[in-house]
N, C-alpha and C. Protein backbone atom coordinates (compact mmCIF):
# COMPACT_ATOMS: atom_id res chain seq x y z
N UNK A 1 193.54 -119.62 42.00
CA UNK A 1 194.99 -119.43 41.95
C UNK A 1 195.55 -120.15 40.74
N UNK A 2 196.16 -119.41 39.83
CA UNK A 2 196.68 -120.01 38.61
C UNK A 2 197.96 -120.77 38.91
N UNK A 3 198.25 -121.76 38.10
CA UNK A 3 199.46 -122.55 38.26
C UNK A 3 200.40 -122.30 37.11
N UNK A 4 201.69 -122.46 37.41
CA UNK A 4 202.72 -122.29 36.39
C UNK A 4 203.48 -123.60 36.26
N UNK A 5 203.93 -123.87 35.06
CA UNK A 5 204.77 -125.04 34.79
C UNK A 5 206.21 -124.59 34.70
N UNK A 6 207.02 -125.09 35.61
CA UNK A 6 208.43 -124.70 35.63
C UNK A 6 209.17 -125.47 34.56
N UNK A 7 210.01 -124.76 33.80
CA UNK A 7 210.82 -125.38 32.74
C UNK A 7 212.26 -125.45 33.22
N UNK A 8 212.70 -126.64 33.57
CA UNK A 8 214.09 -126.93 33.88
C UNK A 8 214.70 -125.93 34.85
N UNK A 9 214.33 -125.98 36.14
CA UNK A 9 214.81 -125.00 37.08
C UNK A 9 216.30 -125.03 37.34
N UNK A 10 216.95 -126.18 37.15
CA UNK A 10 218.36 -126.24 37.52
C UNK A 10 219.30 -126.56 36.38
N UNK A 11 218.79 -126.90 35.21
CA UNK A 11 219.70 -127.20 34.10
C UNK A 11 218.96 -127.75 32.93
N UNK A 12 219.64 -127.85 31.79
CA UNK A 12 219.00 -128.30 30.57
C UNK A 12 218.74 -129.79 30.57
N UNK A 13 219.45 -130.55 31.36
CA UNK A 13 219.29 -131.99 31.36
C UNK A 13 218.11 -132.45 32.20
N UNK A 14 217.51 -131.59 33.00
CA UNK A 14 216.42 -131.95 33.88
C UNK A 14 215.11 -131.63 33.21
N UNK A 15 214.31 -132.64 32.87
CA UNK A 15 213.06 -132.42 32.17
C UNK A 15 211.86 -132.47 33.10
N UNK A 16 212.08 -132.57 34.43
CA UNK A 16 210.98 -132.62 35.37
C UNK A 16 210.30 -131.26 35.43
N UNK A 17 209.01 -131.30 35.73
CA UNK A 17 208.25 -130.07 35.88
C UNK A 17 207.63 -130.04 37.25
N UNK A 18 207.37 -128.85 37.74
CA UNK A 18 206.72 -128.69 39.03
C UNK A 18 205.69 -127.59 38.92
N UNK A 19 204.60 -127.75 39.69
CA UNK A 19 203.54 -126.76 39.71
C UNK A 19 203.79 -125.78 40.84
N UNK A 20 203.77 -124.51 40.51
CA UNK A 20 203.96 -123.48 41.52
C UNK A 20 202.85 -122.47 41.39
N UNK A 21 202.43 -121.92 42.50
CA UNK A 21 201.34 -120.96 42.49
C UNK A 21 201.84 -119.59 42.11
N UNK A 22 200.95 -118.78 41.60
CA UNK A 22 201.29 -117.42 41.22
C UNK A 22 201.49 -116.60 42.48
N UNK A 23 201.97 -115.38 42.32
CA UNK A 23 202.21 -114.54 43.47
C UNK A 23 200.93 -114.36 44.27
N UNK A 24 201.06 -114.03 45.53
CA UNK A 24 199.89 -113.87 46.39
C UNK A 24 198.96 -112.78 45.90
N UNK A 25 199.51 -111.82 45.19
CA UNK A 25 198.69 -110.71 44.71
C UNK A 25 198.21 -110.97 43.29
N UNK A 26 197.92 -112.21 42.95
CA UNK A 26 197.48 -112.55 41.59
C UNK A 26 196.16 -111.87 41.28
N UNK A 27 196.12 -111.20 40.17
CA UNK A 27 194.92 -110.50 39.78
C UNK A 27 193.89 -111.49 39.25
N UNK A 28 192.64 -111.24 39.55
CA UNK A 28 191.56 -112.11 39.09
C UNK A 28 191.14 -111.69 37.69
N UNK A 29 191.86 -112.21 36.70
CA UNK A 29 191.62 -111.80 35.32
C UNK A 29 190.75 -112.78 34.57
N UNK A 30 190.52 -113.98 35.11
CA UNK A 30 189.77 -114.98 34.37
C UNK A 30 188.29 -114.63 34.27
N UNK A 31 187.81 -113.74 35.16
CA UNK A 31 186.39 -113.39 35.15
C UNK A 31 186.10 -112.16 34.32
N UNK A 32 187.09 -111.59 33.69
CA UNK A 32 186.86 -110.39 32.89
C UNK A 32 186.18 -110.76 31.58
N UNK A 33 185.39 -109.84 31.04
CA UNK A 33 184.65 -110.16 29.82
C UNK A 33 185.55 -110.32 28.62
N UNK A 34 185.12 -111.11 27.65
CA UNK A 34 185.89 -111.37 26.45
C UNK A 34 185.89 -110.18 25.49
N UNK A 35 184.97 -109.20 25.70
CA UNK A 35 184.85 -108.10 24.77
C UNK A 35 186.11 -107.24 24.77
N UNK A 36 186.78 -107.17 25.93
CA UNK A 36 187.96 -106.33 26.04
C UNK A 36 189.13 -106.98 25.32
N UNK A 37 189.65 -106.32 24.29
CA UNK A 37 190.78 -106.86 23.55
C UNK A 37 192.06 -106.78 24.37
N UNK A 38 192.21 -105.69 25.12
CA UNK A 38 193.37 -105.53 26.00
C UNK A 38 192.88 -105.62 27.43
N UNK A 39 193.18 -106.73 28.09
CA UNK A 39 192.68 -106.99 29.42
C UNK A 39 193.47 -106.26 30.50
N UNK A 40 194.72 -105.90 30.20
CA UNK A 40 195.57 -105.21 31.17
C UNK A 40 196.14 -103.95 30.51
N UNK A 41 195.35 -102.90 30.36
CA UNK A 41 195.83 -101.70 29.65
C UNK A 41 197.00 -101.01 30.35
N UNK A 42 197.00 -101.01 31.69
CA UNK A 42 198.09 -100.35 32.42
C UNK A 42 199.40 -101.12 32.21
N UNK A 43 199.34 -102.44 32.32
CA UNK A 43 200.54 -103.25 32.10
C UNK A 43 201.03 -103.12 30.66
N UNK A 44 200.10 -103.10 29.70
CA UNK A 44 200.48 -102.94 28.29
C UNK A 44 201.15 -101.59 28.05
N UNK A 45 200.63 -100.57 28.72
CA UNK A 45 201.21 -99.23 28.56
C UNK A 45 202.63 -99.18 29.09
N UNK A 46 202.84 -99.68 30.31
CA UNK A 46 204.17 -99.60 30.91
C UNK A 46 205.13 -100.61 30.30
N UNK A 47 204.60 -101.65 29.63
CA UNK A 47 205.48 -102.57 28.93
C UNK A 47 206.25 -101.85 27.83
N UNK A 48 205.61 -100.87 27.21
CA UNK A 48 206.26 -100.11 26.13
C UNK A 48 206.81 -98.78 26.60
N UNK A 49 206.23 -98.22 27.67
CA UNK A 49 206.58 -96.84 28.06
C UNK A 49 208.05 -96.68 28.41
N UNK A 50 208.55 -97.51 29.33
CA UNK A 50 209.92 -97.34 29.81
C UNK A 50 210.94 -97.60 28.70
N UNK A 51 210.73 -98.67 27.92
CA UNK A 51 211.73 -99.00 26.90
C UNK A 51 211.70 -98.02 25.74
N UNK A 52 210.52 -97.57 25.35
CA UNK A 52 210.45 -96.58 24.27
C UNK A 52 210.98 -95.24 24.75
N UNK A 53 210.69 -94.89 26.00
CA UNK A 53 211.20 -93.62 26.56
C UNK A 53 212.73 -93.62 26.60
N UNK A 54 213.33 -94.76 26.96
CA UNK A 54 214.80 -94.84 26.99
C UNK A 54 215.38 -94.61 25.60
N UNK A 55 214.74 -95.17 24.58
CA UNK A 55 215.22 -94.98 23.21
C UNK A 55 215.07 -93.53 22.77
N UNK A 56 213.92 -92.92 23.09
CA UNK A 56 213.67 -91.53 22.72
C UNK A 56 214.67 -90.60 23.40
N UNK A 57 214.92 -90.83 24.69
CA UNK A 57 215.89 -90.00 25.41
C UNK A 57 217.27 -90.16 24.82
N UNK A 58 217.65 -91.38 24.44
CA UNK A 58 218.97 -91.60 23.85
C UNK A 58 219.11 -90.85 22.53
N UNK A 59 218.05 -90.84 21.73
CA UNK A 59 218.12 -90.19 20.42
C UNK A 59 218.06 -88.67 20.50
N UNK A 60 217.34 -88.14 21.49
CA UNK A 60 217.07 -86.70 21.51
C UNK A 60 217.71 -85.95 22.67
N UNK A 61 218.40 -86.66 23.56
CA UNK A 61 218.87 -85.97 24.76
C UNK A 61 219.89 -84.88 24.45
N UNK A 62 220.74 -85.09 23.45
CA UNK A 62 221.75 -84.09 23.12
C UNK A 62 221.14 -82.82 22.55
N UNK A 63 219.89 -82.92 22.07
CA UNK A 63 219.22 -81.72 21.56
C UNK A 63 218.67 -80.85 22.68
N UNK A 64 218.35 -81.46 23.82
CA UNK A 64 217.72 -80.72 24.91
C UNK A 64 218.64 -80.51 26.10
N UNK A 65 219.72 -81.25 26.19
CA UNK A 65 220.61 -81.11 27.34
C UNK A 65 222.05 -81.34 26.90
N UNK A 66 222.93 -80.54 27.44
CA UNK A 66 224.36 -80.70 27.13
C UNK A 66 225.08 -81.53 28.18
N UNK A 67 224.34 -81.97 29.20
CA UNK A 67 224.95 -82.75 30.28
C UNK A 67 224.87 -84.24 29.96
N UNK A 68 226.02 -84.84 29.69
CA UNK A 68 226.04 -86.27 29.40
C UNK A 68 225.65 -87.09 30.63
N UNK A 69 226.06 -86.66 31.81
CA UNK A 69 225.77 -87.39 33.04
C UNK A 69 224.26 -87.46 33.27
N UNK A 70 223.57 -86.35 33.08
CA UNK A 70 222.11 -86.32 33.29
C UNK A 70 221.42 -87.25 32.30
N UNK A 71 221.85 -87.23 31.05
CA UNK A 71 221.25 -88.11 30.04
C UNK A 71 221.52 -89.57 30.36
N UNK A 72 222.75 -89.88 30.75
CA UNK A 72 223.11 -91.25 31.05
C UNK A 72 222.30 -91.78 32.23
N UNK A 73 222.20 -90.99 33.30
CA UNK A 73 221.45 -91.42 34.48
C UNK A 73 219.98 -91.63 34.14
N UNK A 74 219.41 -90.74 33.33
CA UNK A 74 218.01 -90.87 32.94
C UNK A 74 217.76 -92.14 32.15
N UNK A 75 218.64 -92.42 31.19
CA UNK A 75 218.49 -93.61 30.36
C UNK A 75 218.64 -94.88 31.20
N UNK A 76 219.62 -94.90 32.10
CA UNK A 76 219.83 -96.09 32.93
C UNK A 76 218.65 -96.31 33.87
N UNK A 77 218.09 -95.24 34.42
CA UNK A 77 216.91 -95.37 35.28
C UNK A 77 215.73 -95.94 34.50
N UNK A 78 215.53 -95.44 33.29
CA UNK A 78 214.43 -95.96 32.47
C UNK A 78 214.65 -97.42 32.11
N UNK A 79 215.88 -97.78 31.77
CA UNK A 79 216.18 -99.18 31.44
C UNK A 79 215.99 -100.09 32.66
N UNK A 80 216.38 -99.61 33.83
CA UNK A 80 216.20 -100.40 35.05
C UNK A 80 214.73 -100.59 35.39
N UNK A 81 213.95 -99.52 35.27
CA UNK A 81 212.51 -99.63 35.51
C UNK A 81 211.86 -100.58 34.51
N UNK A 82 212.31 -100.51 33.27
CA UNK A 82 211.77 -101.40 32.24
C UNK A 82 212.11 -102.85 32.55
N UNK A 83 213.36 -103.10 32.95
CA UNK A 83 213.77 -104.47 33.26
C UNK A 83 212.92 -105.05 34.39
N UNK A 84 212.72 -104.28 35.44
CA UNK A 84 211.93 -104.76 36.58
C UNK A 84 210.48 -104.98 36.19
N UNK A 85 209.89 -104.01 35.48
CA UNK A 85 208.47 -104.10 35.13
C UNK A 85 208.20 -105.28 34.20
N UNK A 86 209.04 -105.46 33.17
CA UNK A 86 208.82 -106.54 32.21
C UNK A 86 209.07 -107.90 32.87
N UNK A 87 210.11 -107.99 33.68
CA UNK A 87 210.45 -109.28 34.29
C UNK A 87 209.42 -109.70 35.34
N UNK A 88 208.93 -108.76 36.14
CA UNK A 88 208.11 -109.12 37.30
C UNK A 88 206.61 -108.90 37.12
N UNK A 89 206.20 -108.06 36.16
CA UNK A 89 204.79 -107.70 36.07
C UNK A 89 204.19 -108.04 34.70
N UNK A 90 204.70 -107.38 33.65
CA UNK A 90 204.00 -107.45 32.37
C UNK A 90 204.06 -108.84 31.75
N UNK A 91 205.15 -109.57 31.97
CA UNK A 91 205.26 -110.91 31.40
C UNK A 91 204.19 -111.86 31.91
N UNK A 92 203.99 -111.89 33.22
CA UNK A 92 203.01 -112.82 33.79
C UNK A 92 201.58 -112.38 33.54
N UNK A 93 201.35 -111.06 33.42
CA UNK A 93 199.99 -110.59 33.19
C UNK A 93 199.58 -110.70 31.72
N UNK A 94 200.48 -110.36 30.81
CA UNK A 94 200.12 -110.25 29.40
C UNK A 94 200.21 -111.59 28.67
N UNK A 95 201.19 -112.43 29.01
CA UNK A 95 201.36 -113.69 28.29
C UNK A 95 201.48 -114.90 29.20
N UNK A 96 201.38 -114.70 30.51
CA UNK A 96 201.43 -115.84 31.42
C UNK A 96 202.78 -116.50 31.51
N UNK A 97 203.86 -115.73 31.41
CA UNK A 97 205.22 -116.27 31.50
C UNK A 97 205.98 -115.50 32.57
N UNK A 98 206.95 -116.16 33.19
CA UNK A 98 207.84 -115.47 34.13
C UNK A 98 209.12 -116.28 34.29
N UNK A 99 210.20 -115.59 34.60
CA UNK A 99 211.48 -116.24 34.86
C UNK A 99 212.11 -115.56 36.06
N UNK A 100 212.85 -116.33 36.84
CA UNK A 100 213.45 -115.80 38.03
C UNK A 100 214.60 -116.70 38.47
N UNK A 101 215.28 -116.28 39.52
CA UNK A 101 216.46 -116.99 40.02
C UNK A 101 216.32 -117.20 41.52
N UNK A 102 216.77 -118.36 41.98
CA UNK A 102 216.80 -118.60 43.42
C UNK A 102 218.06 -119.38 43.78
N UNK A 103 218.47 -119.27 45.03
CA UNK A 103 219.67 -119.94 45.53
C UNK A 103 219.24 -120.99 46.54
N UNK A 104 219.69 -122.22 46.32
CA UNK A 104 219.29 -123.31 47.19
C UNK A 104 220.12 -123.33 48.47
N UNK A 105 219.89 -124.34 49.29
CA UNK A 105 220.56 -124.43 50.58
C UNK A 105 222.07 -124.64 50.44
N UNK A 106 222.49 -125.20 49.31
CA UNK A 106 223.93 -125.42 49.08
C UNK A 106 224.62 -124.19 48.50
N UNK A 107 223.86 -123.11 48.28
CA UNK A 107 224.44 -121.89 47.74
C UNK A 107 224.54 -121.87 46.23
N UNK A 108 223.90 -122.84 45.56
CA UNK A 108 223.92 -122.89 44.10
C UNK A 108 222.78 -122.06 43.53
N UNK A 109 223.10 -121.35 42.46
CA UNK A 109 222.10 -120.50 41.81
C UNK A 109 221.33 -121.29 40.75
N UNK A 110 220.01 -121.16 40.76
CA UNK A 110 219.16 -121.87 39.82
C UNK A 110 218.26 -120.87 39.10
N UNK A 111 218.21 -120.99 37.78
CA UNK A 111 217.32 -120.17 36.97
C UNK A 111 216.06 -120.97 36.66
N UNK A 112 214.91 -120.34 36.85
CA UNK A 112 213.63 -120.99 36.66
C UNK A 112 212.87 -120.25 35.57
N UNK A 113 212.38 -121.00 34.56
CA UNK A 113 211.61 -120.43 33.46
C UNK A 113 210.24 -121.11 33.47
N UNK A 114 209.19 -120.32 33.63
CA UNK A 114 207.86 -120.87 33.86
C UNK A 114 206.84 -120.34 32.85
N UNK A 115 205.88 -121.18 32.54
CA UNK A 115 204.74 -120.78 31.71
C UNK A 115 203.46 -121.21 32.40
N UNK A 116 202.45 -120.38 32.32
CA UNK A 116 201.20 -120.64 33.01
C UNK A 116 200.47 -121.83 32.41
N UNK A 117 199.97 -122.71 33.27
CA UNK A 117 199.12 -123.80 32.84
C UNK A 117 197.69 -123.28 32.73
N UNK A 118 197.29 -122.92 31.53
CA UNK A 118 195.97 -122.33 31.34
C UNK A 118 194.96 -123.41 30.99
N UNK A 119 193.75 -123.27 31.54
CA UNK A 119 192.67 -124.20 31.22
C UNK A 119 192.12 -123.86 29.85
N UNK A 120 191.24 -124.72 29.35
CA UNK A 120 190.65 -124.50 28.02
C UNK A 120 189.84 -123.22 27.99
N UNK A 121 189.14 -122.93 29.10
CA UNK A 121 188.34 -121.71 29.14
C UNK A 121 189.20 -120.47 29.16
N UNK A 122 190.32 -120.52 29.91
CA UNK A 122 191.21 -119.37 29.96
C UNK A 122 191.93 -119.15 28.64
N UNK A 123 192.20 -120.26 27.92
CA UNK A 123 192.89 -120.13 26.63
C UNK A 123 192.05 -119.34 25.65
N UNK A 124 190.74 -119.46 25.75
CA UNK A 124 189.87 -118.75 24.83
C UNK A 124 189.83 -117.26 25.13
N UNK A 125 190.14 -116.89 26.39
CA UNK A 125 190.08 -115.49 26.77
C UNK A 125 191.43 -114.79 26.72
N UNK A 126 192.47 -115.50 26.28
CA UNK A 126 193.80 -114.88 26.16
C UNK A 126 193.75 -113.79 25.09
N UNK A 127 194.26 -112.63 25.43
CA UNK A 127 194.21 -111.50 24.52
C UNK A 127 195.33 -111.60 23.50
N UNK A 128 194.96 -111.75 22.24
CA UNK A 128 195.97 -111.78 21.19
C UNK A 128 196.61 -110.42 21.00
N UNK A 129 195.85 -109.36 21.26
CA UNK A 129 196.41 -108.01 21.13
C UNK A 129 197.52 -107.78 22.14
N UNK A 130 197.30 -108.23 23.38
CA UNK A 130 198.34 -108.09 24.40
C UNK A 130 199.56 -108.92 24.04
N UNK A 131 199.34 -110.12 23.53
CA UNK A 131 200.46 -110.96 23.14
C UNK A 131 201.30 -110.31 22.05
N UNK A 132 200.64 -109.70 21.06
CA UNK A 132 201.38 -109.02 19.98
C UNK A 132 202.16 -107.84 20.54
N UNK A 133 201.52 -107.05 21.41
CA UNK A 133 202.20 -105.90 22.00
C UNK A 133 203.42 -106.35 22.80
N UNK A 134 203.24 -107.41 23.57
CA UNK A 134 204.33 -107.89 24.42
C UNK A 134 205.52 -108.33 23.59
N UNK A 135 205.30 -109.21 22.61
CA UNK A 135 206.42 -109.75 21.85
C UNK A 135 207.02 -108.73 20.90
N UNK A 136 206.19 -107.83 20.36
CA UNK A 136 206.73 -106.78 19.49
C UNK A 136 207.68 -105.88 20.26
N UNK A 137 207.24 -105.42 21.44
CA UNK A 137 208.12 -104.57 22.25
C UNK A 137 209.33 -105.31 22.75
N UNK A 138 209.15 -106.59 23.10
CA UNK A 138 210.24 -107.37 23.66
C UNK A 138 211.34 -107.64 22.64
N UNK A 139 210.98 -107.80 21.37
CA UNK A 139 211.95 -108.13 20.32
C UNK A 139 212.51 -106.88 19.64
N UNK A 140 211.64 -105.92 19.33
CA UNK A 140 212.05 -104.77 18.53
C UNK A 140 213.05 -103.88 19.26
N UNK A 141 212.82 -103.62 20.54
CA UNK A 141 213.68 -102.68 21.26
C UNK A 141 215.11 -103.20 21.44
N UNK A 142 215.33 -104.46 21.83
CA UNK A 142 216.73 -104.94 21.87
C UNK A 142 217.44 -104.87 20.52
N UNK A 143 216.68 -105.11 19.44
CA UNK A 143 217.29 -105.00 18.11
C UNK A 143 217.76 -103.56 17.86
N UNK A 144 216.96 -102.59 18.28
CA UNK A 144 217.36 -101.18 18.12
C UNK A 144 218.60 -100.87 18.94
N UNK A 145 218.68 -101.41 20.16
CA UNK A 145 219.87 -101.15 20.98
C UNK A 145 221.11 -101.78 20.36
N UNK A 146 220.97 -102.93 19.72
CA UNK A 146 222.10 -103.53 19.03
C UNK A 146 222.56 -102.63 17.88
N UNK A 147 221.59 -102.07 17.16
CA UNK A 147 221.92 -101.14 16.07
C UNK A 147 222.63 -99.90 16.63
N UNK A 148 222.13 -99.39 17.78
CA UNK A 148 222.77 -98.23 18.41
C UNK A 148 224.20 -98.57 18.84
N UNK A 149 224.41 -99.82 19.28
CA UNK A 149 225.76 -100.22 19.71
C UNK A 149 226.74 -100.18 18.55
N UNK A 150 226.35 -100.72 17.40
CA UNK A 150 227.23 -100.67 16.22
C UNK A 150 227.43 -99.23 15.76
N UNK A 151 226.36 -98.43 15.82
CA UNK A 151 226.47 -97.03 15.41
C UNK A 151 227.44 -96.26 16.30
N UNK A 152 227.32 -96.48 17.63
CA UNK A 152 228.23 -95.79 18.55
C UNK A 152 229.67 -96.26 18.37
N UNK A 153 229.83 -97.54 18.05
CA UNK A 153 231.18 -98.08 17.88
C UNK A 153 231.84 -97.53 16.63
N UNK A 154 231.11 -97.52 15.50
CA UNK A 154 231.69 -97.08 14.24
C UNK A 154 231.83 -95.56 14.14
N UNK A 155 231.02 -94.83 14.92
CA UNK A 155 231.13 -93.37 14.92
C UNK A 155 232.03 -92.85 16.04
N UNK A 156 232.67 -93.78 16.76
CA UNK A 156 233.62 -93.45 17.82
C UNK A 156 232.99 -92.61 18.94
N UNK A 157 231.72 -92.89 19.24
CA UNK A 157 231.06 -92.24 20.38
C UNK A 157 231.26 -93.14 21.60
N UNK A 158 232.48 -93.15 22.06
CA UNK A 158 232.88 -94.10 23.10
C UNK A 158 232.11 -93.86 24.39
N UNK A 159 231.84 -92.62 24.73
CA UNK A 159 231.17 -92.32 25.99
C UNK A 159 229.74 -92.86 26.03
N UNK A 160 229.12 -93.05 24.85
CA UNK A 160 227.76 -93.59 24.81
C UNK A 160 227.75 -95.10 24.73
N UNK A 161 228.90 -95.69 24.49
CA UNK A 161 228.95 -97.14 24.29
C UNK A 161 228.52 -97.89 25.54
N UNK A 162 228.92 -97.41 26.71
CA UNK A 162 228.54 -98.08 27.96
C UNK A 162 227.03 -98.03 28.17
N UNK A 163 226.40 -96.91 27.83
CA UNK A 163 224.95 -96.78 27.98
C UNK A 163 224.24 -97.74 27.03
N UNK A 164 224.72 -97.81 25.80
CA UNK A 164 224.09 -98.67 24.81
C UNK A 164 224.24 -100.14 25.20
N UNK A 165 225.42 -100.51 25.69
CA UNK A 165 225.64 -101.89 26.13
C UNK A 165 224.70 -102.24 27.28
N UNK A 166 224.45 -101.27 28.16
CA UNK A 166 223.50 -101.49 29.25
C UNK A 166 222.12 -101.79 28.70
N UNK A 167 221.70 -101.06 27.67
CA UNK A 167 220.41 -101.33 27.05
C UNK A 167 220.36 -102.70 26.41
N UNK A 168 221.43 -103.11 25.74
CA UNK A 168 221.48 -104.43 25.11
C UNK A 168 221.40 -105.53 26.16
N UNK A 169 222.14 -105.37 27.25
CA UNK A 169 222.20 -106.41 28.28
C UNK A 169 220.87 -106.55 29.00
N UNK A 170 220.31 -105.45 29.48
CA UNK A 170 219.07 -105.52 30.26
C UNK A 170 217.89 -106.00 29.43
N UNK A 171 217.71 -105.43 28.26
CA UNK A 171 216.57 -105.84 27.44
C UNK A 171 216.83 -107.18 26.76
N UNK A 172 218.08 -107.47 26.45
CA UNK A 172 218.40 -108.79 25.91
C UNK A 172 218.18 -109.89 26.92
N UNK A 173 218.43 -109.61 28.20
CA UNK A 173 218.20 -110.62 29.24
C UNK A 173 216.72 -110.97 29.35
N UNK A 174 215.86 -109.97 29.30
CA UNK A 174 214.43 -110.25 29.32
C UNK A 174 213.98 -111.02 28.09
N UNK A 175 214.53 -110.66 26.95
CA UNK A 175 214.17 -111.37 25.72
C UNK A 175 214.58 -112.83 25.80
N UNK A 176 215.79 -113.09 26.25
CA UNK A 176 216.27 -114.47 26.36
C UNK A 176 215.44 -115.24 27.39
N UNK A 177 215.16 -114.61 28.53
CA UNK A 177 214.39 -115.29 29.57
C UNK A 177 213.01 -115.68 29.11
N UNK A 178 212.32 -114.81 28.41
CA UNK A 178 210.95 -115.12 27.97
C UNK A 178 210.93 -116.08 26.79
N UNK A 179 211.97 -116.07 25.98
CA UNK A 179 212.05 -117.10 24.93
C UNK A 179 212.23 -118.47 25.56
N UNK A 180 213.07 -118.54 26.61
CA UNK A 180 213.22 -119.81 27.32
C UNK A 180 211.90 -120.24 27.96
N UNK A 181 211.16 -119.28 28.50
CA UNK A 181 209.85 -119.61 29.09
C UNK A 181 208.89 -120.14 28.02
N UNK A 182 208.91 -119.53 26.86
CA UNK A 182 207.97 -119.89 25.79
C UNK A 182 208.34 -121.20 25.13
N UNK A 183 209.62 -121.38 24.84
CA UNK A 183 210.07 -122.53 24.06
C UNK A 183 210.50 -123.67 24.94
N UNK A 184 211.26 -123.38 25.99
CA UNK A 184 211.76 -124.43 26.86
C UNK A 184 213.26 -124.37 26.97
N UNK A 185 213.90 -125.52 26.96
CA UNK A 185 215.34 -125.62 27.21
C UNK A 185 216.15 -125.20 26.00
N UNK A 186 217.45 -125.11 26.20
CA UNK A 186 218.35 -124.78 25.09
C UNK A 186 218.31 -125.89 24.04
N UNK A 187 218.11 -127.12 24.50
CA UNK A 187 218.01 -128.23 23.56
C UNK A 187 216.82 -128.04 22.63
N UNK A 188 215.69 -127.57 23.18
CA UNK A 188 214.52 -127.32 22.35
C UNK A 188 214.77 -126.21 21.35
N UNK A 189 215.51 -125.17 21.79
CA UNK A 189 215.85 -124.10 20.86
C UNK A 189 216.71 -124.62 19.72
N UNK A 190 217.67 -125.46 20.06
CA UNK A 190 218.54 -126.03 19.03
C UNK A 190 217.75 -126.93 18.09
N UNK A 191 216.84 -127.73 18.66
CA UNK A 191 216.03 -128.62 17.83
C UNK A 191 215.12 -127.83 16.89
N UNK A 192 214.56 -126.71 17.39
CA UNK A 192 213.72 -125.88 16.54
C UNK A 192 214.51 -125.29 15.39
N UNK A 193 215.72 -124.78 15.69
CA UNK A 193 216.55 -124.20 14.63
C UNK A 193 216.95 -125.26 13.62
N UNK A 194 217.31 -126.46 14.11
CA UNK A 194 217.69 -127.54 13.20
C UNK A 194 216.52 -127.98 12.34
N UNK A 195 215.34 -128.07 12.95
CA UNK A 195 214.15 -128.45 12.19
C UNK A 195 213.82 -127.43 11.12
N UNK A 196 213.94 -126.14 11.48
CA UNK A 196 213.64 -125.09 10.51
C UNK A 196 214.61 -125.13 9.33
N UNK A 197 215.91 -125.27 9.64
CA UNK A 197 216.90 -125.33 8.56
C UNK A 197 216.70 -126.57 7.70
N UNK A 198 216.32 -127.71 8.33
CA UNK A 198 216.05 -128.92 7.56
C UNK A 198 214.88 -128.76 6.62
N UNK A 199 213.82 -128.11 7.10
CA UNK A 199 212.66 -127.89 6.24
C UNK A 199 213.00 -126.98 5.07
N UNK A 200 213.79 -125.93 5.35
CA UNK A 200 214.19 -125.03 4.27
C UNK A 200 215.05 -125.75 3.24
N UNK A 201 215.94 -126.63 3.70
CA UNK A 201 216.80 -127.38 2.77
C UNK A 201 215.97 -128.32 1.92
N UNK A 202 215.01 -129.04 2.53
CA UNK A 202 214.16 -129.95 1.77
C UNK A 202 213.28 -129.19 0.79
N UNK A 203 212.81 -128.02 1.22
CA UNK A 203 211.97 -127.23 0.32
C UNK A 203 212.75 -126.79 -0.91
N UNK A 204 213.99 -126.32 -0.67
CA UNK A 204 214.81 -125.90 -1.80
C UNK A 204 215.17 -127.09 -2.69
N UNK A 205 215.44 -128.24 -2.07
CA UNK A 205 215.79 -129.43 -2.84
C UNK A 205 214.62 -129.89 -3.69
N UNK A 206 213.43 -129.90 -3.08
CA UNK A 206 212.24 -130.31 -3.84
C UNK A 206 211.93 -129.33 -4.96
N UNK A 207 212.14 -128.03 -4.66
CA UNK A 207 211.90 -127.03 -5.70
C UNK A 207 212.86 -127.17 -6.87
N UNK A 208 214.15 -127.39 -6.55
CA UNK A 208 215.13 -127.55 -7.63
C UNK A 208 214.89 -128.83 -8.40
N UNK A 209 214.42 -129.91 -7.68
CA UNK A 209 214.13 -131.17 -8.37
C UNK A 209 212.96 -131.04 -9.31
N UNK A 210 211.92 -130.32 -8.88
CA UNK A 210 210.76 -130.12 -9.74
C UNK A 210 211.13 -129.28 -10.95
N UNK A 211 211.97 -128.26 -10.72
CA UNK A 211 212.39 -127.42 -11.84
C UNK A 211 213.24 -128.21 -12.82
N UNK A 212 214.13 -129.07 -12.31
CA UNK A 212 214.94 -129.89 -13.19
C UNK A 212 214.08 -130.88 -13.98
N UNK A 213 213.02 -131.41 -13.33
CA UNK A 213 212.12 -132.33 -14.04
C UNK A 213 211.39 -131.63 -15.16
N UNK A 214 210.99 -130.36 -14.92
CA UNK A 214 210.32 -129.62 -15.99
C UNK A 214 211.25 -129.40 -17.17
N UNK A 215 212.52 -129.07 -16.89
CA UNK A 215 213.47 -128.86 -17.97
C UNK A 215 213.72 -130.16 -18.73
N UNK A 216 213.83 -131.29 -18.03
CA UNK A 216 214.03 -132.57 -18.71
C UNK A 216 212.84 -132.93 -19.57
N UNK A 217 211.63 -132.67 -19.05
CA UNK A 217 210.44 -132.95 -19.84
C UNK A 217 210.36 -132.08 -21.08
N UNK A 218 210.79 -130.82 -20.92
CA UNK A 218 210.78 -129.91 -22.06
C UNK A 218 211.80 -130.37 -23.10
N UNK A 219 212.99 -130.80 -22.67
CA UNK A 219 214.00 -131.26 -23.62
C UNK A 219 213.56 -132.51 -24.35
N UNK A 220 212.88 -133.44 -23.65
CA UNK A 220 212.39 -134.65 -24.30
C UNK A 220 211.32 -134.30 -25.31
N UNK A 221 210.46 -133.35 -24.94
CA UNK A 221 209.40 -132.95 -25.87
C UNK A 221 209.99 -132.31 -27.13
N UNK A 222 211.03 -131.51 -26.96
CA UNK A 222 211.65 -130.88 -28.13
C UNK A 222 212.35 -131.91 -28.98
N UNK A 223 213.02 -132.86 -28.29
CA UNK A 223 213.73 -133.88 -29.05
C UNK A 223 212.78 -134.76 -29.82
């Protein structure tokens, strides 16, 4: 039974972790051979199928059907199936991450972001191909829906705006949840962004300083 490390179940200020077991129907994937690059082909397929299908239907539905209601219902069903599949199945199987919500005895809602505690042996058998597929689909599709949202807004396709916003919200929620699972708290996200910007600033400063030193050396040599 694999264990998960919970990341801040009740708030950003709580750094405690707790070990929780995987679902009762946890698949026995640790005994699979290393030769297989994609250890969960069905999960990998459905990780992309629903979200790509929703995008294809959105782009081509007006060519095959004149009924806006039928197109809207189809897209929303595909987005809902994608949200459920990615949140509950493909995340924990492909990358060992999951996020969920529970309500305590006081009626307060708590969001839980978890990452699997993998042993050294399991880390060697993690499929890099599955990880690439997971994160590529998780990031690329919400970006496309954001583009569709601006396109619908600027082209005054008001009736499609609600459908596009649904795509942004559902797929954006999964993206945010899994980033929290991977990185940790909001404080960690802020620290990462600050660290990245600091490194870029120092790199540019060092580059400009070296360039200025070369120019000064050249001027002294000429003089």
